[in-house]
Amino acid sequence: MNKVLASAEEAVERIPDGATIMMGGFGLCGIPETLIAALHQRGTKGLTVISNNAGIDDFGIGVLLRARQVRKMISTYVGENKEFERQYLSGELEVELVPQGTFAERIRAGGAGIGGFFTPTGFGTLVAEGKETRLIDGTPYVLEKPLTADFAFVKGWKGDRVGNLVYRKSARNWLRRGFSCATSCRGRATKSGSRNGPRGHETTVYHEDRRPTKDAKTNVYNKSS
């Protein structure tokens, strides 16, 4: 079995207009920029993007936002992107803000086939508007539904041909399991089953294909107070 594709362009060919895509990354760390660039080049539009944050104006998801390829963002943090702010305030972009812990659990629930879960986070705030609430053992809870996607982009550090994947340090992705098809860019190839091969982060059953890359950047996210 060989899940390696020849290029990022080949990887994004199957993604239609209007698709929902989960994209890995935290701040500027672990962003699958090669796949994002290929999607930008292809011009796929009307996308719903599920990601922790929206990148910055000229990097990450910000590139797709600037080209008006994103219809809706589901995120936990959207600061530091002026184009995102402009589109949201002008009504061009639909936005769903989700508390970060809830965001992670909604993705996990989607991958596990869970129909929803109750959390106290967000009760009594805008987050709870239009959602079912319930009092359990004296504590108010909000019902949150799972997040799922048609595709997912992740950035790995090492991977083998059958699809096992390892992330590098803080770039280890946390949006896993809630998608139908995952495509990753990874910098190092190893033999399947080798002693130096991928172990323990993401197994082959969760990934349909991978695109090897030698030109991916390593980003360090620093924010001064």
N, C-alpha and C. Protein backbone atom coordinates (compact mmCIF):
# COMPACT_ATOMS: atom_id res chain seq x y z
N MET A 1 0.85 -1.20 0.00
CA MET A 1 0.00 0.00 0.00
C MET A 1 0.88 1.24 0.00
N ASN A 2 0.56 2.18 -0.87
CA ASN A 2 1.31 3.43 -0.95
C ASN A 2 0.34 4.60 -1.05
N LYS A 3 0.27 5.41 -0.03
CA LYS A 3 -0.66 6.54 -0.01
C LYS A 3 -0.01 7.86 -0.39
N VAL A 4 1.23 7.81 -0.85
CA VAL A 4 1.95 9.03 -1.19
C VAL A 4 1.48 9.56 -2.54
N LEU A 5 1.15 10.84 -2.59
CA LEU A 5 0.80 11.50 -3.84
C LEU A 5 1.99 12.30 -4.34
N ALA A 6 1.98 12.59 -5.62
CA ALA A 6 3.12 13.25 -6.24
C ALA A 6 3.23 14.73 -5.89
N SER A 7 2.10 15.36 -5.62
CA SER A 7 2.14 16.81 -5.41
C SER A 7 0.96 17.26 -4.55
N ALA A 8 1.08 18.46 -4.02
CA ALA A 8 -0.02 19.05 -3.27
C ALA A 8 -1.19 19.34 -4.21
N GLU A 9 -0.86 19.68 -5.46
CA GLU A 9 -1.90 19.96 -6.45
C GLU A 9 -2.78 18.74 -6.67
N GLU A 10 -2.15 17.57 -6.73
CA GLU A 10 -2.92 16.34 -6.88
C GLU A 10 -3.79 16.09 -5.65
N ALA A 11 -3.28 16.44 -4.49
CA ALA A 11 -4.02 16.19 -3.25
C ALA A 11 -5.30 17.01 -3.16
N VAL A 12 -5.29 18.23 -3.71
CA VAL A 12 -6.47 19.09 -3.57
C VAL A 12 -7.43 18.99 -4.75
N GLU A 13 -7.09 18.18 -5.74
CA GLU A 13 -7.94 18.07 -6.92
C GLU A 13 -9.35 17.59 -6.58
N ARG A 14 -9.46 16.74 -5.59
CA ARG A 14 -10.76 16.14 -5.25
C ARG A 14 -11.65 17.04 -4.42
N ILE A 15 -11.13 18.18 -3.98
CA ILE A 15 -11.90 19.05 -3.09
C ILE A 15 -12.81 19.96 -3.91
N PRO A 16 -14.12 19.83 -3.77
CA PRO A 16 -15.04 20.65 -4.56
C PRO A 16 -15.35 21.98 -3.90
N ASP A 17 -15.92 22.90 -4.66
CA ASP A 17 -16.43 24.13 -4.07
C ASP A 17 -17.46 23.77 -3.00
N GLY A 18 -17.46 24.53 -1.92
CA GLY A 18 -18.44 24.30 -0.86
C GLY A 18 -18.06 23.25 0.15
N ALA A 19 -16.85 22.68 0.05
CA ALA A 19 -16.42 21.63 0.97
C ALA A 19 -16.15 22.20 2.36
N THR A 20 -16.21 21.32 3.36
CA THR A 20 -15.83 21.66 4.73
C THR A 20 -14.48 21.02 5.01
N ILE A 21 -13.51 21.82 5.47
CA ILE A 21 -12.15 21.33 5.67
C ILE A 21 -11.68 21.68 7.07
N MET A 22 -11.16 20.68 7.80
CA MET A 22 -10.46 20.95 9.06
C MET A 22 -8.99 21.21 8.73
N MET A 23 -8.42 22.23 9.34
CA MET A 23 -7.02 22.56 9.08
C MET A 23 -6.27 22.65 10.39
N GLY A 24 -5.17 21.92 10.49
CA GLY A 24 -4.36 21.91 11.69
C GLY A 24 -3.59 23.20 11.87
N GLY A 25 -2.99 23.33 13.04
CA GLY A 25 -2.19 24.50 13.33
C GLY A 25 -2.65 25.21 14.59
N PHE A 26 -1.70 25.81 15.28
CA PHE A 26 -1.98 26.58 16.49
C PHE A 26 -1.13 27.84 16.41
N GLY A 27 -1.78 29.01 16.29
CA GLY A 27 -1.02 30.21 15.97
C GLY A 27 -0.44 30.04 14.57
N LEU A 28 0.87 30.14 14.46
CA LEU A 28 1.53 29.91 13.17
C LEU A 28 2.30 28.60 13.16
N CYS A 29 2.08 27.77 14.16
CA CYS A 29 2.82 26.51 14.30
C CYS A 29 1.99 25.35 13.76
N GLY A 30 2.59 24.53 12.91
CA GLY A 30 1.91 23.35 12.42
C GLY A 30 0.89 23.60 11.33
N ILE A 31 0.96 24.75 10.66
CA ILE A 31 0.02 25.07 9.60
C ILE A 31 0.41 24.31 8.32
N PRO A 32 -0.55 23.65 7.68
CA PRO A 32 -0.25 22.91 6.43
C PRO A 32 -0.18 23.86 5.24
N GLU A 33 0.83 24.71 5.23
CA GLU A 33 0.87 25.82 4.26
C GLU A 33 0.99 25.37 2.81
N THR A 34 1.64 24.22 2.57
CA THR A 34 1.79 23.75 1.20
C THR A 34 0.45 23.37 0.59
N LEU A 35 -0.38 22.69 1.36
CA LEU A 35 -1.71 22.32 0.89
C LEU A 35 -2.61 23.54 0.74
N ILE A 36 -2.49 24.48 1.67
CA ILE A 36 -3.27 25.71 1.58
C ILE A 36 -2.90 26.48 0.31
N ALA A 37 -1.61 26.54 0.02
CA ALA A 37 -1.15 27.23 -1.19
C ALA A 37 -1.71 26.57 -2.45
N ALA A 38 -1.74 25.25 -2.46
CA ALA A 38 -2.27 24.52 -3.62
C ALA A 38 -3.77 24.77 -3.78
N LEU A 39 -4.48 24.83 -2.67
CA LEU A 39 -5.92 25.10 -2.71
C LEU A 39 -6.18 26.52 -3.19
N HIS A 40 -5.34 27.43 -2.74
CA HIS A 40 -5.43 28.82 -3.19
C HIS A 40 -5.21 28.92 -4.69
N GLN A 41 -4.20 28.22 -5.16
CA GLN A 41 -3.87 28.24 -6.60
C GLN A 41 -5.00 27.66 -7.42
N ARG A 42 -5.65 26.65 -6.90
CA ARG A 42 -6.75 26.00 -7.62
C ARG A 42 -7.99 26.87 -7.67
N GLY A 43 -8.15 27.74 -6.67
CA GLY A 43 -9.27 28.66 -6.67
C GLY A 43 -10.57 28.09 -6.13
N THR A 44 -10.51 27.00 -5.39
CA THR A 44 -11.71 26.40 -4.81
C THR A 44 -12.38 27.40 -3.86
N LYS A 45 -13.71 27.54 -3.98
CA LYS A 45 -14.40 28.59 -3.24
C LYS A 45 -15.55 28.04 -2.40
N GLY A 46 -16.15 28.96 -1.63
CA GLY A 46 -17.31 28.61 -0.81
C GLY A 46 -16.98 27.65 0.31
N LEU A 47 -15.74 27.70 0.80
CA LEU A 47 -15.28 26.73 1.79
C LEU A 47 -15.73 27.08 3.20
N THR A 48 -16.00 26.05 3.98
CA THR A 48 -16.14 26.18 5.42
C THR A 48 -14.87 25.62 6.03
N VAL A 49 -14.17 26.43 6.80
CA VAL A 49 -12.89 26.02 7.38
C VAL A 49 -13.02 25.92 8.90
N ILE A 50 -12.65 24.77 9.42
CA ILE A 50 -12.65 24.53 10.87
C ILE A 50 -11.20 24.51 11.33
N SER A 51 -10.81 25.51 12.09
CA SER A 51 -9.42 25.61 12.51
C SER A 51 -9.33 26.43 13.78
N ASN A 52 -8.33 26.15 14.59
CA ASN A 52 -8.17 26.88 15.85
C ASN A 52 -8.17 28.38 15.64
N ASN A 53 -7.45 28.85 14.63
CA ASN A 53 -7.39 30.27 14.35
C ASN A 53 -7.30 30.50 12.83
N ALA A 54 -7.30 31.74 12.43
CA ALA A 54 -7.41 32.07 11.00
C ALA A 54 -6.10 32.53 10.39
N GLY A 55 -4.98 32.20 11.01
CA GLY A 55 -3.70 32.63 10.47
C GLY A 55 -3.55 34.15 10.54
N ILE A 56 -2.69 34.68 9.70
CA ILE A 56 -2.53 36.13 9.60
C ILE A 56 -2.82 36.52 8.15
N ASP A 57 -2.75 37.81 7.86
CA ASP A 57 -3.20 38.28 6.55
C ASP A 57 -2.50 37.59 5.38
N ASP A 58 -1.20 37.33 5.51
CA ASP A 58 -0.46 36.80 4.36
C ASP A 58 0.10 35.40 4.58
N PHE A 59 -0.47 34.67 5.56
CA PHE A 59 0.02 33.32 5.81
C PHE A 59 -1.09 32.46 6.37
N GLY A 60 -1.03 31.18 6.03
CA GLY A 60 -2.04 30.24 6.52
C GLY A 60 -3.40 30.49 5.88
N ILE A 61 -4.45 30.34 6.65
CA ILE A 61 -5.80 30.50 6.13
C ILE A 61 -6.04 31.93 5.65
N GLY A 62 -5.24 32.87 6.15
CA GLY A 62 -5.36 34.25 5.70
C GLY A 62 -5.22 34.40 4.20
N VAL A 63 -4.43 33.54 3.57
CA VAL A 63 -4.26 33.57 2.11
C VAL A 63 -5.59 33.26 1.42
N LEU A 64 -6.32 32.27 1.95
CA LEU A 64 -7.62 31.90 1.38
C LEU A 64 -8.67 32.97 1.65
N LEU A 65 -8.61 33.57 2.83
CA LEU A 65 -9.56 34.64 3.16
C LEU A 65 -9.37 35.83 2.23
N ARG A 66 -8.14 36.19 1.99
CA ARG A 66 -7.86 37.34 1.13
C ARG A 66 -8.36 37.12 -0.29
N ALA A 67 -8.36 35.87 -0.74
CA ALA A 67 -8.84 35.54 -2.08
C ALA A 67 -10.33 35.26 -2.12
N ARG A 68 -11.04 35.49 -1.00
CA ARG A 68 -12.49 35.27 -0.90
C ARG A 68 -12.88 33.82 -1.19
N GLN A 69 -12.06 32.88 -0.76
CA GLN A 69 -12.35 31.47 -1.00
C GLN A 69 -13.07 30.82 0.18
N VAL A 70 -13.15 31.53 1.32
CA VAL A 70 -13.75 30.98 2.53
C VAL A 70 -15.10 31.65 2.76
N ARG A 71 -16.13 30.83 2.93
CA ARG A 71 -17.48 31.32 3.20
C ARG A 71 -17.75 31.43 4.69
N LYS A 72 -17.22 30.45 5.45
CA LYS A 72 -17.49 30.38 6.89
C LYS A 72 -16.26 29.88 7.63
N MET A 73 -16.00 30.49 8.79
CA MET A 73 -14.93 30.05 9.67
C MET A 73 -15.51 29.58 10.99
N ILE A 74 -15.06 28.42 11.45
CA ILE A 74 -15.39 27.92 12.79
C ILE A 74 -14.08 27.86 13.55
N SER A 75 -13.90 28.73 14.54
CA SER A 75 -12.60 28.91 15.18
C SER A 75 -12.76 29.24 16.65
N THR A 76 -11.61 29.27 17.33
CA THR A 76 -11.60 29.67 18.74
C THR A 76 -10.98 31.04 18.94
N TYR A 77 -10.12 31.44 18.01
CA TYR A 77 -9.41 32.71 18.15
C TYR A 77 -9.18 33.29 16.76
N VAL A 78 -9.56 34.54 16.57
CA VAL A 78 -9.48 35.11 15.22
C VAL A 78 -8.77 36.47 15.21
N GLY A 79 -7.99 36.76 16.22
CA GLY A 79 -7.25 38.01 16.26
C GLY A 79 -6.06 37.99 15.30
N GLU A 80 -5.43 39.14 15.12
CA GLU A 80 -4.21 39.29 14.33
C GLU A 80 -4.42 39.04 12.84
N ASN A 81 -5.65 39.16 12.37
CA ASN A 81 -5.92 39.03 10.94
C ASN A 81 -6.89 40.14 10.55
N LYS A 82 -6.35 41.20 9.99
CA LYS A 82 -7.15 42.38 9.68
C LYS A 82 -8.17 42.09 8.58
N GLU A 83 -7.79 41.26 7.61
CA GLU A 83 -8.72 40.93 6.53
C GLU A 83 -9.90 40.11 7.06
N PHE A 84 -9.63 39.22 7.98
CA PHE A 84 -10.70 38.47 8.64
C PHE A 84 -11.67 39.44 9.32
N GLU A 85 -11.12 40.37 10.08
CA GLU A 85 -11.94 41.34 10.79
C GLU A 85 -12.80 42.15 9.82
N ARG A 86 -12.18 42.61 8.73
CA ARG A 86 -12.90 43.42 7.75
C ARG A 86 -14.06 42.64 7.14
N GLN A 87 -13.80 41.40 6.73
CA GLN A 87 -14.84 40.60 6.10
C GLN A 87 -15.98 40.27 7.06
N TYR A 88 -15.63 40.01 8.31
CA TYR A 88 -16.66 39.70 9.31
C TYR A 88 -17.55 40.91 9.58
N LEU A 89 -16.93 42.06 9.81
CA LEU A 89 -17.69 43.26 10.14
C LEU A 89 -18.54 43.74 8.97
N SER A 90 -18.11 43.43 7.74
CA SER A 90 -18.86 43.85 6.56
C SER A 90 -19.93 42.83 6.16
N GLY A 91 -19.98 41.70 6.88
CA GLY A 91 -20.98 40.68 6.58
C GLY A 91 -20.62 39.75 5.45
N GLU A 92 -19.36 39.80 4.99
CA GLU A 92 -18.93 38.94 3.89
C GLU A 92 -18.60 37.53 4.37
N LEU A 93 -18.25 37.39 5.63
CA LEU A 93 -17.77 36.13 6.17
C LEU A 93 -18.63 35.70 7.35
N GLU A 94 -19.11 34.46 7.32
CA GLU A 94 -19.85 33.90 8.45
C GLU A 94 -18.86 33.33 9.45
N VAL A 95 -19.07 33.61 10.74
CA VAL A 95 -18.11 33.18 11.76
C VAL A 95 -18.85 32.50 12.91
N GLU A 96 -18.31 31.38 13.35
CA GLU A 96 -18.79 30.71 14.56
C GLU A 96 -17.61 30.60 15.52
N LEU A 97 -17.69 31.34 16.61
CA LEU A 97 -16.63 31.30 17.62
C LEU A 97 -16.99 30.25 18.67
N VAL A 98 -16.00 29.41 19.01
CA VAL A 98 -16.23 28.30 19.94
C VAL A 98 -15.15 28.34 21.02
N PRO A 99 -15.53 28.20 22.30
CA PRO A 99 -14.50 28.08 23.34
C PRO A 99 -13.53 26.95 23.00
N GLN A 100 -12.26 27.14 23.29
CA GLN A 100 -11.24 26.22 22.79
C GLN A 100 -11.42 24.79 23.26
N GLY A 101 -11.71 24.60 24.53
CA GLY A 101 -11.92 23.24 25.03
C GLY A 101 -13.13 22.58 24.38
N THR A 102 -14.19 23.36 24.21
CA THR A 102 -15.39 22.86 23.55
C THR A 102 -15.09 22.51 22.11
N PHE A 103 -14.30 23.34 21.47
CA PHE A 103 -13.89 23.12 20.08
C PHE A 103 -13.20 21.76 19.92
N ALA A 104 -12.23 21.49 20.79
CA ALA A 104 -11.51 20.21 20.73
C ALA A 104 -12.44 19.03 20.98
N GLU A 105 -13.34 19.17 21.94
CA GLU A 105 -14.25 18.08 22.27
C GLU A 105 -15.29 17.85 21.17
N ARG A 106 -15.72 18.92 20.52
CA ARG A 106 -16.66 18.76 19.40
C ARG A 106 -16.04 17.98 18.25
N ILE A 107 -14.76 18.22 18.01
CA ILE A 107 -14.06 17.48 16.96
C ILE A 107 -13.90 16.01 17.37
N ARG A 108 -13.52 15.79 18.63
CA ARG A 108 -13.39 14.42 19.11
C ARG A 108 -14.72 13.68 19.02
N ALA A 109 -15.80 14.37 19.40
CA ALA A 109 -17.13 13.75 19.35
C ALA A 109 -17.50 13.38 17.92
N GLY A 110 -17.14 14.25 16.98
CA GLY A 110 -17.45 13.96 15.59
C GLY A 110 -16.76 12.70 15.10
N GLY A 111 -15.51 12.54 15.49
CA GLY A 111 -14.77 11.35 15.08
C GLY A 111 -15.22 10.09 15.78
N ALA A 112 -15.75 10.23 17.00
CA ALA A 112 -16.17 9.07 17.78
C ALA A 112 -17.63 8.69 17.53
N GLY A 113 -18.31 9.47 16.71
CA GLY A 113 -19.71 9.17 16.42
C GLY A 113 -20.66 9.54 17.54
N ILE A 114 -20.24 10.47 18.39
CA ILE A 114 -21.08 10.91 19.50
C ILE A 114 -22.00 12.03 19.02
N GLY A 115 -23.29 11.93 19.33
CA GLY A 115 -24.27 12.87 18.81
C GLY A 115 -24.25 14.24 19.46
N GLY A 116 -23.56 14.37 20.56
CA GLY A 116 -23.48 15.64 21.26
C GLY A 116 -23.06 15.42 22.71
N PHE A 117 -22.78 16.51 23.41
CA PHE A 117 -22.38 16.40 24.82
C PHE A 117 -22.76 17.68 25.55
N PHE A 118 -22.90 17.58 26.85
CA PHE A 118 -23.24 18.73 27.68
C PHE A 118 -21.97 19.28 28.35
N THR A 119 -21.83 20.60 28.34
CA THR A 119 -20.71 21.25 28.99
C THR A 119 -21.20 22.51 29.68
N PRO A 120 -20.63 22.85 30.84
CA PRO A 120 -21.02 24.10 31.51
C PRO A 120 -20.43 25.34 30.84
N THR A 121 -19.42 25.14 30.00
CA THR A 121 -18.76 26.27 29.35
C THR A 121 -19.72 27.03 28.44
N GLY A 122 -19.80 28.31 28.64
CA GLY A 122 -20.62 29.16 27.78
C GLY A 122 -22.04 29.37 28.25
N PHE A 123 -22.45 28.69 29.30
CA PHE A 123 -23.82 28.86 29.79
C PHE A 123 -24.04 30.32 30.21
N GLY A 124 -25.17 30.87 29.81
CA GLY A 124 -25.49 32.24 30.18
C GLY A 124 -24.81 33.29 29.32
N THR A 125 -24.12 32.86 28.26
CA THR A 125 -23.45 33.79 27.36
C THR A 125 -24.00 33.64 25.94
N LEU A 126 -23.45 34.42 25.00
CA LEU A 126 -23.85 34.32 23.60
C LEU A 126 -23.61 32.94 23.03
N VAL A 127 -22.63 32.23 23.59
CA VAL A 127 -22.30 30.88 23.12
C VAL A 127 -23.50 29.95 23.25
N ALA A 128 -24.33 30.17 24.23
CA ALA A 128 -25.45 29.27 24.52
C ALA A 128 -26.73 29.63 23.77
N GLU A 129 -26.73 30.76 23.08
CA GLU A 129 -27.96 31.20 22.40
C GLU A 129 -28.41 30.19 21.35
N GLY A 130 -29.69 29.81 21.42
CA GLY A 130 -30.26 28.88 20.45
C GLY A 130 -29.93 27.42 20.70
N LYS A 131 -29.24 27.13 21.81
CA LYS A 131 -28.85 25.75 22.11
C LYS A 131 -29.66 25.22 23.30
N GLU A 132 -29.80 23.92 23.34
CA GLU A 132 -30.49 23.29 24.47
C GLU A 132 -29.64 23.43 25.72
N THR A 133 -30.29 23.76 26.83
CA THR A 133 -29.59 23.81 28.12
C THR A 133 -30.30 22.86 29.09
N ARG A 134 -29.56 22.41 30.08
CA ARG A 134 -30.13 21.45 31.02
C ARG A 134 -29.45 21.60 32.38
N LEU A 135 -30.21 21.40 33.43
CA LEU A 135 -29.67 21.44 34.79
C LEU A 135 -29.38 20.00 35.21
N ILE A 136 -28.12 19.70 35.47
CA ILE A 136 -27.72 18.35 35.87
C ILE A 136 -27.02 18.43 37.23
N ASP A 137 -27.62 17.78 38.23
CA ASP A 137 -27.08 17.81 39.59
C ASP A 137 -26.82 19.24 40.06
N GLY A 138 -27.73 20.14 39.69
CA GLY A 138 -27.62 21.50 40.16
C GLY A 138 -26.73 22.41 39.34
N THR A 139 -26.07 21.85 38.31
CA THR A 139 -25.18 22.65 37.48
C THR A 139 -25.79 22.84 36.08
N PRO A 140 -25.83 24.07 35.57
CA PRO A 140 -26.38 24.30 34.23
C PRO A 140 -25.38 23.90 33.14
N TYR A 141 -25.89 23.26 32.12
CA TYR A 141 -25.05 22.80 31.02
C TYR A 141 -25.63 23.23 29.68
N VAL A 142 -24.77 23.28 28.68
CA VAL A 142 -25.15 23.61 27.30
C VAL A 142 -24.87 22.39 26.42
N LEU A 143 -25.82 22.05 25.55
CA LEU A 143 -25.62 20.94 24.63
C LEU A 143 -24.82 21.42 23.41
N GLU A 144 -23.71 20.76 23.17
CA GLU A 144 -22.87 21.08 22.02
C GLU A 144 -22.88 19.90 21.04
N LYS A 145 -23.02 20.21 19.76
CA LYS A 145 -23.05 19.17 18.74
C LYS A 145 -21.66 18.93 18.17
N PRO A 146 -21.42 17.74 17.59
CA PRO A 146 -20.09 17.42 17.07
C PRO A 146 -19.72 18.23 15.84
N LEU A 147 -18.42 18.35 15.60
CA LEU A 147 -17.91 18.97 14.38
C LEU A 147 -17.34 17.88 13.48
N THR A 148 -17.74 17.90 12.22
CA THR A 148 -17.20 16.95 11.24
C THR A 148 -16.83 17.71 9.97
N ALA A 149 -16.05 17.09 9.12
CA ALA A 149 -15.62 17.74 7.89
C ALA A 149 -15.50 16.72 6.77
N ASP A 150 -15.47 17.23 5.54
CA ASP A 150 -15.27 16.37 4.38
C ASP A 150 -13.80 16.00 4.21
N PHE A 151 -12.93 16.93 4.56
CA PHE A 151 -11.49 16.74 4.40
C PHE A 151 -10.76 17.36 5.58
N ALA A 152 -9.50 16.98 5.75
CA ALA A 152 -8.65 17.62 6.76
C ALA A 152 -7.24 17.77 6.21
N PHE A 153 -6.63 18.91 6.49
CA PHE A 153 -5.23 19.17 6.16
C PHE A 153 -4.43 19.18 7.46
N VAL A 154 -3.38 18.39 7.54
CA VAL A 154 -2.50 18.43 8.69
C VAL A 154 -1.05 18.46 8.21
N LYS A 155 -0.17 18.93 9.06
CA LYS A 155 1.24 19.01 8.73
C LYS A 155 2.03 18.09 9.64
N GLY A 156 2.59 17.04 9.05
CA GLY A 156 3.36 16.09 9.83
C GLY A 156 4.85 16.34 9.70
N TRP A 157 5.60 15.70 10.55
CA TRP A 157 7.06 15.79 10.53
C TRP A 157 7.65 14.56 9.87
N LYS A 158 7.19 13.38 10.26
CA LYS A 158 7.63 12.13 9.65
C LYS A 158 6.41 11.29 9.30
N GLY A 159 6.53 10.55 8.21
CA GLY A 159 5.44 9.67 7.83
C GLY A 159 5.95 8.56 6.93
N ASP A 160 5.24 7.45 6.90
CA ASP A 160 5.62 6.37 5.99
C ASP A 160 4.59 6.26 4.87
N ARG A 161 4.84 5.35 3.95
CA ARG A 161 4.02 5.25 2.75
C ARG A 161 2.62 4.72 3.02
N VAL A 162 2.42 4.04 4.14
CA VAL A 162 1.09 3.50 4.43
C VAL A 162 0.23 4.47 5.24
N GLY A 163 0.84 5.57 5.70
CA GLY A 163 0.02 6.60 6.32
C GLY A 163 0.23 6.86 7.79
N ASN A 164 1.15 6.17 8.46
CA ASN A 164 1.45 6.49 9.85
C ASN A 164 2.16 7.83 9.91
N LEU A 165 1.84 8.63 10.91
CA LEU A 165 2.32 10.00 10.92
C LEU A 165 2.75 10.45 12.31
N VAL A 166 3.82 11.25 12.35
CA VAL A 166 4.32 11.83 13.59
C VAL A 166 4.42 13.35 13.41
N TYR A 167 3.99 14.09 14.42
CA TYR A 167 4.12 15.54 14.40
C TYR A 167 5.38 15.95 15.16
N ARG A 168 5.83 17.16 14.90
CA ARG A 168 7.05 17.64 15.55
C ARG A 168 6.73 18.59 16.70
N LYS A 169 7.07 18.14 17.91
CA LYS A 169 6.99 18.96 19.12
C LYS A 169 5.62 19.65 19.23
N SER A 170 5.62 20.99 19.35
CA SER A 170 4.36 21.70 19.57
C SER A 170 3.48 21.79 18.33
N ALA A 171 3.97 21.26 17.22
CA ALA A 171 3.15 21.22 16.01
C ALA A 171 2.24 20.00 15.99
N ARG A 172 2.24 19.23 17.07
CA ARG A 172 1.37 18.05 17.12
C ARG A 172 -0.09 18.48 17.03
N ASN A 173 -0.76 17.96 16.05
CA ASN A 173 -2.12 18.42 15.78
C ASN A 173 -3.12 17.86 16.77
N TRP A 174 -4.13 18.67 17.05
CA TRP A 174 -5.17 18.26 17.99
C TRP A 174 -6.52 18.14 17.31
N LEU A 175 -6.61 18.49 16.01
CA LEU A 175 -7.89 18.32 15.32
C LEU A 175 -7.83 17.00 14.58
N ARG A 176 -8.25 15.94 15.23
CA ARG A 176 -8.12 14.62 14.66
C ARG A 176 -9.44 13.86 14.78
N ARG A 177 -9.62 12.93 13.86
CA ARG A 177 -10.72 11.96 13.91
C ARG A 177 -12.06 12.46 13.37
N GLY A 178 -12.29 13.76 13.24
CA GLY A 178 -13.62 14.23 12.86
C GLY A 178 -13.82 14.45 11.38
N PHE A 179 -13.02 13.79 10.54
CA PHE A 179 -13.07 14.07 9.12
C PHE A 179 -13.24 12.79 8.31
N SER A 180 -13.62 12.96 7.04
CA SER A 180 -13.82 11.81 6.17
C SER A 180 -12.52 11.41 5.48
N CYS A 181 -11.70 12.38 5.10
CA CYS A 181 -10.46 12.11 4.37
C CYS A 181 -9.40 13.10 4.79
N ALA A 182 -8.24 12.62 5.20
CA ALA A 182 -7.17 13.51 5.64
C ALA A 182 -6.00 13.47 4.67
N THR A 183 -5.45 14.64 4.40
CA THR A 183 -4.26 14.76 3.58
C THR A 183 -3.21 15.49 4.39
N SER A 184 -1.99 14.99 4.40
CA SER A 184 -0.95 15.64 5.19
C SER A 184 0.25 15.96 4.33
N CYS A 185 0.96 17.01 4.73
CA CYS A 185 2.28 17.28 4.17
C CYS A 185 3.28 16.87 5.23
N ARG A 186 4.29 16.14 4.85
CA ARG A 186 5.28 15.74 5.85
C ARG A 186 6.68 15.83 5.24
N GLY A 187 7.62 16.15 6.10
CA GLY A 187 8.96 16.46 5.63
C GLY A 187 9.89 15.29 5.51
N ARG A 188 9.67 14.20 6.26
CA ARG A 188 10.60 13.08 6.25
C ARG A 188 9.86 11.79 5.96
N ALA A 189 10.44 10.99 5.10
CA ALA A 189 9.85 9.70 4.78
C ALA A 189 10.63 8.59 5.48
N THR A 190 9.93 7.58 5.97
CA THR A 190 10.57 6.43 6.58
C THR A 190 9.96 5.17 6.03
N LYS A 191 10.64 4.06 6.20
CA LYS A 191 10.11 2.78 5.76
C LYS A 191 9.03 2.31 6.72
N SER A 192 8.01 1.71 6.16
CA SER A 192 6.92 1.18 6.99
C SER A 192 7.46 0.11 7.91
N GLY A 193 7.17 0.25 9.20
CA GLY A 193 7.58 -0.75 10.17
C GLY A 193 9.02 -0.64 10.61
N SER A 194 9.75 0.39 10.14
CA SER A 194 11.15 0.51 10.55
C SER A 194 11.26 0.98 11.99
N ARG A 195 12.40 0.74 12.59
CA ARG A 195 12.60 1.13 13.99
C ARG A 195 12.55 2.64 14.15
N ASN A 196 12.89 3.37 13.09
CA ASN A 196 12.87 4.83 13.15
C ASN A 196 11.59 5.41 12.56
N GLY A 197 10.64 4.57 12.28
CA GLY A 197 9.39 5.01 11.67
C GLY A 197 8.46 5.69 12.66
N PRO A 198 7.37 6.22 12.13
CA PRO A 198 6.40 6.92 12.98
C PRO A 198 5.80 6.01 14.03
N ARG A 199 5.67 6.53 15.22
CA ARG A 199 5.06 5.74 16.30
C ARG A 199 4.15 6.62 17.15
N GLY A 200 2.90 6.22 17.25
CA GLY A 200 2.06 6.72 18.32
C GLY A 200 1.25 7.97 18.15
N HIS A 201 1.46 8.77 17.10
CA HIS A 201 0.68 10.00 17.00
C HIS A 201 -0.57 9.81 16.13
N GLU A 202 -0.40 9.43 14.90
CA GLU A 202 -1.53 9.26 13.99
C GLU A 202 -1.30 8.01 13.17
N THR A 203 -2.25 7.09 13.20
CA THR A 203 -2.08 5.83 12.49
C THR A 203 -2.71 5.88 11.11
N THR A 204 -2.31 4.94 10.30
CA THR A 204 -2.68 4.92 8.89
C THR A 204 -4.18 4.93 8.64
N VAL A 205 -4.98 4.36 9.53
CA VAL A 205 -6.41 4.27 9.26
C VAL A 205 -7.07 5.64 9.20
N TYR A 206 -6.42 6.69 9.70
CA TYR A 206 -7.03 8.01 9.70
C TYR A 206 -6.57 8.86 8.52
N HIS A 207 -5.68 8.36 7.69
CA HIS A 207 -5.15 9.16 6.60
C HIS A 207 -5.28 8.43 5.27
N GLU A 208 -5.83 9.14 4.30
CA GLU A 208 -6.02 8.54 2.98
C GLU A 208 -4.81 8.75 2.09
N ASP A 209 -4.17 9.92 2.18
CA ASP A 209 -3.00 10.14 1.35
C ASP A 209 -2.08 11.16 2.00
N ARG A 210 -0.84 11.21 1.50
CA ARG A 210 0.10 12.19 1.99
C ARG A 210 0.90 12.75 0.85
N ARG A 211 1.27 13.98 1.00
CA ARG A 211 2.07 14.67 0.00
C ARG A 211 3.41 15.03 0.62
N PRO A 212 4.52 14.39 0.17
CA PRO A 212 5.83 14.72 0.74
C PRO A 212 6.24 16.13 0.34
N THR A 213 6.92 16.84 1.23
CA THR A 213 7.35 18.19 0.90
C THR A 213 8.75 18.45 1.43
N LYS A 214 9.52 19.17 0.66
CA LYS A 214 10.86 19.55 1.08
C LYS A 214 10.95 21.06 1.32
N ASP A 215 9.88 21.79 0.94
CA ASP A 215 9.95 23.24 1.01
C ASP A 215 9.11 23.84 2.12
N ALA A 216 8.60 23.00 3.02
CA ALA A 216 7.77 23.52 4.10
C ALA A 216 8.61 24.32 5.08
N LYS A 217 8.03 25.39 5.61
CA LYS A 217 8.74 26.24 6.55
C LYS A 217 8.53 25.77 7.98
N THR A 218 9.47 26.12 8.83
CA THR A 218 9.29 25.90 10.26
C THR A 218 9.00 27.25 10.89
N ASN A 219 7.86 27.37 11.50
CA ASN A 219 7.44 28.66 12.04
C ASN A 219 7.45 28.64 13.56
N VAL A 220 7.95 29.70 14.13
CA VAL A 220 7.92 29.88 15.58
C VAL A 220 6.98 31.03 15.87
N TYR A 221 6.01 30.77 16.73
CA TYR A 221 4.99 31.77 17.02
C TYR A 221 5.35 32.50 18.30
N ASN A 222 5.69 33.75 18.17
CA ASN A 222 6.03 34.57 19.34
C ASN A 222 5.10 35.78 19.40
N LYS A 223 4.57 36.03 20.56
CA LYS A 223 3.73 37.22 20.74
C LYS A 223 4.15 37.93 22.00
N SER A 224 4.59 39.15 21.86
CA SER A 224 5.02 39.91 23.03
C SER A 224 3.80 40.49 23.73
N SER A 225 3.89 40.65 25.02
CA SER A 225 2.77 41.18 25.79
C SER A 225 2.72 42.70 25.67
